[in-house]
Structures are given as structure tokens and as C-alpha cells.
């Protein structure tokens, strides 16, 4: 199975796959956040904005410094978050 790749859209790890639908969860709605290891739940929300929570097990910037890859699990199908260098200052401020 391939990994889900999501681009960092906000400081809350709000996964913005598309703007086409109403958000499945609201920013800051941690009670309804999807667990980062719940691959089935994440796949059901493709095309929606969702709040995903979980423990980052590994994160590093690419050699070029243009992309950070943050992994939430060790299995091939678990969530991988991609953060572009244009959001680096926002991430540094948030964390």
C-alpha cells in the first residue's frame, strides 16, 4: 500500500487535501480529530479539510532544504506529512 501524502496547510496540522467540501473536522476540534494511524478514516475524508493528530516518529528536511517529510508511523500505509520551505517560518514559530 502506498503512503498518504499530505501538504501542510496551517499550523494546526490541518490537512488540506482539497477545498471542495465542507471540513470534516473544525480547526481546534481535537475531540473529533482523526488519529494519524487510522488510515481508513483518513482515506474516507479525501477531498475534505480534516484535523489529524498523532505522534511524529521521524521528521527531517530534504538535502535541498525545500521539503520536510514528517512520518507519523512506521508502516508503509501510514500518514506522511509534507511541509514545504515556504511554511518553514510558520512551523518554527508554532513549534
N, C-alpha and C. Protein backbone atom coordinates (compact mmCIF):
# COMPACT_ATOMS: atom_id res chain seq x y z
N UNK A 1 0.83 -1.18 0.00
CA UNK A 1 0.00 0.00 0.00
C UNK A 1 0.87 1.24 0.00
N UNK A 2 0.45 2.27 -0.68
CA UNK A 2 1.26 3.47 -0.70
C UNK A 2 0.89 4.39 0.45
N UNK A 3 1.81 5.22 0.78
CA UNK A 3 1.61 6.15 1.89
C UNK A 3 0.72 7.31 1.48
N UNK A 4 -0.02 7.81 2.41
CA UNK A 4 -0.81 9.03 2.16
C UNK A 4 0.13 10.21 2.31
N UNK A 5 0.12 11.08 1.32
CA UNK A 5 0.99 12.25 1.37
C UNK A 5 0.12 13.49 1.42
N UNK A 6 0.36 14.32 2.39
CA UNK A 6 -0.47 15.48 2.62
C UNK A 6 0.41 16.72 2.78
N UNK A 7 -0.01 17.82 2.26
CA UNK A 7 0.73 19.07 2.35
C UNK A 7 0.28 19.87 3.57
N UNK A 8 1.23 20.47 4.25
CA UNK A 8 0.92 21.28 5.42
C UNK A 8 0.23 22.55 4.99
N UNK A 9 -0.99 22.78 5.47
CA UNK A 9 -1.75 23.95 5.08
C UNK A 9 -1.84 24.98 6.17
N UNK A 10 -1.84 24.57 7.44
CA UNK A 10 -1.92 25.52 8.55
C UNK A 10 -1.02 25.05 9.68
N UNK A 11 -0.96 25.82 10.73
CA UNK A 11 -0.12 25.48 11.86
C UNK A 11 -0.69 24.36 12.72
N UNK A 12 -1.93 24.04 12.57
CA UNK A 12 -2.57 23.02 13.39
C UNK A 12 -2.50 21.63 12.78
N UNK A 13 -1.62 21.43 11.81
CA UNK A 13 -1.55 20.17 11.08
C UNK A 13 -2.89 19.86 10.44
N UNK A 14 -3.51 20.91 9.96
CA UNK A 14 -4.78 20.80 9.25
C UNK A 14 -4.46 20.30 7.86
N UNK A 15 -4.91 19.13 7.53
CA UNK A 15 -4.56 18.53 6.25
C UNK A 15 -5.54 19.01 5.19
N UNK A 16 -5.07 19.85 4.32
CA UNK A 16 -5.92 20.43 3.30
C UNK A 16 -5.72 19.67 1.99
N UNK A 17 -6.50 18.63 1.79
CA UNK A 17 -6.40 17.84 0.58
C UNK A 17 -7.10 18.58 -0.55
N UNK A 18 -8.22 19.24 -0.23
CA UNK A 18 -8.97 19.97 -1.25
C UNK A 18 -9.88 20.96 -0.55
N UNK A 19 -10.27 22.00 -1.25
CA UNK A 19 -11.21 22.97 -0.71
C UNK A 19 -12.62 22.68 -1.20
N UNK A 20 -12.85 21.54 -1.83
CA UNK A 20 -14.12 21.25 -2.49
C UNK A 20 -15.27 20.98 -1.53
N UNK A 21 -15.02 20.46 -0.35
CA UNK A 21 -16.08 20.08 0.58
C UNK A 21 -15.98 20.86 1.89
N UNK A 22 -17.05 20.80 2.65
CA UNK A 22 -17.02 21.38 3.99
C UNK A 22 -16.03 20.58 4.84
N UNK A 23 -15.37 21.22 5.81
CA UNK A 23 -14.43 20.48 6.64
C UNK A 23 -15.11 19.34 7.40
N UNK A 24 -14.45 18.20 7.44
CA UNK A 24 -14.95 17.07 8.21
C UNK A 24 -14.74 17.31 9.70
N UNK A 25 -13.70 18.06 10.03
CA UNK A 25 -13.46 18.48 11.40
C UNK A 25 -13.14 19.97 11.36
N UNK A 26 -13.33 20.65 12.46
CA UNK A 26 -13.07 22.09 12.55
C UNK A 26 -11.70 22.32 13.17
N UNK A 27 -11.00 23.41 12.78
CA UNK A 27 -9.72 23.71 13.39
C UNK A 27 -9.84 23.79 14.91
N UNK A 28 -8.98 23.09 15.60
CA UNK A 28 -9.02 23.08 17.06
C UNK A 28 -10.01 22.11 17.66
N UNK A 29 -10.74 21.37 16.84
CA UNK A 29 -11.75 20.40 17.30
C UNK A 29 -11.07 19.07 17.60
N UNK A 30 -10.20 19.07 18.61
CA UNK A 30 -9.37 17.90 18.90
C UNK A 30 -10.19 16.68 19.28
N UNK A 31 -11.38 16.84 19.84
CA UNK A 31 -12.21 15.69 20.21
C UNK A 31 -12.60 14.87 18.97
N UNK A 32 -12.73 15.53 17.82
CA UNK A 32 -13.11 14.84 16.59
C UNK A 32 -11.95 14.67 15.62
N UNK A 33 -10.75 14.95 16.08
CA UNK A 33 -9.58 14.80 15.20
C UNK A 33 -9.38 13.33 14.86
N UNK A 34 -8.87 13.09 13.67
CA UNK A 34 -8.61 11.74 13.21
C UNK A 34 -7.22 11.33 13.66
N UNK A 35 -7.11 10.14 14.20
CA UNK A 35 -5.81 9.63 14.62
C UNK A 35 -4.94 9.39 13.38
N UNK A 36 -3.70 9.81 13.43
CA UNK A 36 -2.80 9.71 12.28
C UNK A 36 -2.56 8.28 11.83
N UNK A 37 -2.78 7.31 12.71
CA UNK A 37 -2.57 5.91 12.34
C UNK A 37 -3.85 5.25 11.81
N UNK A 38 -4.96 5.98 11.78
CA UNK A 38 -6.23 5.43 11.28
C UNK A 38 -6.33 5.68 9.78
N UNK A 39 -5.66 4.85 9.01
CA UNK A 39 -5.56 5.03 7.57
C UNK A 39 -6.94 5.01 6.91
N UNK A 40 -7.81 4.12 7.34
CA UNK A 40 -9.15 4.02 6.74
C UNK A 40 -9.94 5.31 6.93
N UNK A 41 -9.87 5.90 8.12
CA UNK A 41 -10.60 7.14 8.40
C UNK A 41 -10.04 8.30 7.57
N UNK A 42 -8.73 8.34 7.41
CA UNK A 42 -8.11 9.39 6.60
C UNK A 42 -8.54 9.26 5.15
N UNK A 43 -8.54 8.03 4.63
CA UNK A 43 -8.93 7.81 3.23
C UNK A 43 -10.38 8.20 2.98
N UNK A 44 -11.24 8.03 3.98
CA UNK A 44 -12.66 8.40 3.84
C UNK A 44 -12.84 9.90 3.70
N UNK A 45 -11.88 10.68 4.14
CA UNK A 45 -12.03 12.14 4.15
C UNK A 45 -11.28 12.83 2.99
N UNK A 46 -10.77 12.07 2.06
CA UNK A 46 -10.08 12.67 0.92
C UNK A 46 -11.03 13.66 0.24
N UNK A 47 -10.55 14.85 -0.01
CA UNK A 47 -11.37 15.91 -0.60
C UNK A 47 -11.94 16.84 0.44
N UNK A 48 -11.65 16.59 1.72
CA UNK A 48 -12.14 17.43 2.82
C UNK A 48 -10.96 17.98 3.61
N UNK A 49 -11.22 19.02 4.37
CA UNK A 49 -10.24 19.52 5.33
C UNK A 49 -10.46 18.77 6.63
N UNK A 50 -9.40 18.22 7.19
CA UNK A 50 -9.52 17.47 8.44
C UNK A 50 -8.40 17.83 9.39
N UNK A 51 -8.65 17.61 10.66
CA UNK A 51 -7.65 17.78 11.69
C UNK A 51 -7.14 16.39 12.05
N UNK A 52 -5.84 16.19 11.93
CA UNK A 52 -5.24 14.89 12.20
C UNK A 52 -4.28 15.06 13.37
N UNK A 53 -4.36 14.14 14.33
CA UNK A 53 -3.44 14.22 15.46
C UNK A 53 -2.69 12.91 15.59
N UNK A 54 -1.47 13.02 16.08
CA UNK A 54 -0.65 11.85 16.27
C UNK A 54 0.77 12.23 16.64
N UNK A 55 1.55 11.22 16.90
CA UNK A 55 2.94 11.42 17.30
C UNK A 55 3.83 11.29 16.07
N UNK A 56 4.62 12.31 15.82
CA UNK A 56 5.58 12.26 14.72
C UNK A 56 6.74 11.38 15.18
N UNK A 57 7.00 10.31 14.41
CA UNK A 57 8.08 9.40 14.79
C UNK A 57 9.40 9.75 14.11
N UNK A 58 9.31 10.52 13.03
CA UNK A 58 10.52 10.91 12.31
C UNK A 58 10.20 12.14 11.46
N UNK A 59 11.12 13.11 11.45
CA UNK A 59 10.94 14.30 10.61
C UNK A 59 12.31 14.83 10.23
N UNK A 60 12.45 15.19 8.97
CA UNK A 60 13.69 15.82 8.55
C UNK A 60 13.49 16.57 7.24
N UNK A 61 14.32 17.62 7.07
CA UNK A 61 14.30 18.40 5.84
C UNK A 61 15.09 17.64 4.79
N UNK A 62 14.69 17.79 3.55
CA UNK A 62 15.41 17.19 2.42
C UNK A 62 16.79 17.82 2.30
N UNK A 63 17.67 17.20 1.55
CA UNK A 63 19.01 17.73 1.34
C UNK A 63 18.94 19.14 0.73
N UNK A 64 17.96 19.35 -0.15
CA UNK A 64 17.82 20.67 -0.79
C UNK A 64 17.26 21.71 0.18
N UNK A 65 16.62 21.26 1.26
CA UNK A 65 16.01 22.18 2.22
C UNK A 65 14.67 22.72 1.77
N UNK A 66 14.10 22.17 0.72
CA UNK A 66 12.83 22.67 0.19
C UNK A 66 11.63 21.93 0.73
N UNK A 67 11.82 20.73 1.27
CA UNK A 67 10.70 19.90 1.72
C UNK A 67 11.07 19.20 3.02
N UNK A 68 10.14 19.24 3.99
CA UNK A 68 10.29 18.43 5.20
C UNK A 68 9.30 17.27 5.11
N UNK A 69 9.77 16.11 5.46
CA UNK A 69 8.92 14.91 5.50
C UNK A 69 8.78 14.52 6.97
N UNK A 70 7.54 14.48 7.44
CA UNK A 70 7.25 14.09 8.82
C UNK A 70 6.41 12.82 8.78
N UNK A 71 6.91 11.77 9.40
CA UNK A 71 6.22 10.48 9.39
C UNK A 71 5.54 10.25 10.74
N UNK A 72 4.30 9.78 10.67
CA UNK A 72 3.53 9.52 11.87
C UNK A 72 3.55 8.05 12.28
N UNK A 73 4.12 7.18 11.48
CA UNK A 73 4.18 5.76 11.81
C UNK A 73 5.25 5.08 11.01
N UNK A 74 5.45 3.81 11.29
CA UNK A 74 6.49 3.06 10.62
C UNK A 74 5.97 2.11 9.55
N UNK A 75 4.65 2.02 9.41
CA UNK A 75 4.07 1.12 8.41
C UNK A 75 3.99 1.84 7.07
N UNK A 76 4.07 1.10 5.97
CA UNK A 76 4.06 1.73 4.63
C UNK A 76 2.82 2.56 4.31
N UNK A 77 1.68 2.25 4.91
CA UNK A 77 0.46 2.97 4.55
C UNK A 77 0.07 4.06 5.55
N UNK A 78 0.93 4.36 6.51
CA UNK A 78 0.59 5.38 7.50
C UNK A 78 0.92 6.78 6.98
N UNK A 79 0.36 7.76 7.64
CA UNK A 79 0.40 9.15 7.20
C UNK A 79 1.82 9.72 7.14
N UNK A 80 2.09 10.42 6.06
CA UNK A 80 3.32 11.18 5.88
C UNK A 80 2.90 12.61 5.59
N UNK A 81 3.45 13.54 6.32
CA UNK A 81 3.13 14.95 6.14
C UNK A 81 4.29 15.62 5.41
N UNK A 82 3.96 16.34 4.36
CA UNK A 82 4.97 17.07 3.59
C UNK A 82 4.81 18.56 3.89
N UNK A 83 5.90 19.20 4.31
CA UNK A 83 5.88 20.62 4.63
C UNK A 83 6.88 21.31 3.70
N UNK A 84 6.41 22.30 2.96
CA UNK A 84 7.27 22.99 2.03
C UNK A 84 8.02 24.13 2.71
N UNK A 85 9.15 24.48 2.17
CA UNK A 85 10.02 25.50 2.77
C UNK A 85 9.31 26.85 2.91
N UNK A 86 8.30 27.10 2.09
CA UNK A 86 7.55 28.37 2.21
C UNK A 86 6.81 28.45 3.54
N UNK A 87 6.60 27.34 4.22
CA UNK A 87 5.93 27.30 5.53
C UNK A 87 6.90 27.10 6.68
N UNK A 88 8.20 27.09 6.38
CA UNK A 88 9.21 26.81 7.42
C UNK A 88 9.14 27.80 8.58
N UNK A 89 9.04 29.09 8.29
CA UNK A 89 8.97 30.09 9.36
C UNK A 89 7.73 29.88 10.23
N UNK A 90 6.59 29.57 9.61
CA UNK A 90 5.37 29.29 10.36
C UNK A 90 5.54 28.09 11.28
N UNK A 91 6.18 27.04 10.77
CA UNK A 91 6.41 25.85 11.59
C UNK A 91 7.37 26.15 12.74
N UNK A 92 8.43 26.89 12.48
CA UNK A 92 9.38 27.23 13.52
C UNK A 92 8.70 28.04 14.63
N UNK A 93 7.80 28.95 14.26
CA UNK A 93 7.09 29.75 15.26
C UNK A 93 6.12 28.89 16.08
N UNK A 94 5.50 27.93 15.41
CA UNK A 94 4.48 27.09 16.08
C UNK A 94 5.11 26.06 17.01
N UNK A 95 6.29 25.59 16.67
CA UNK A 95 6.90 24.51 17.45
C UNK A 95 8.26 24.88 17.93
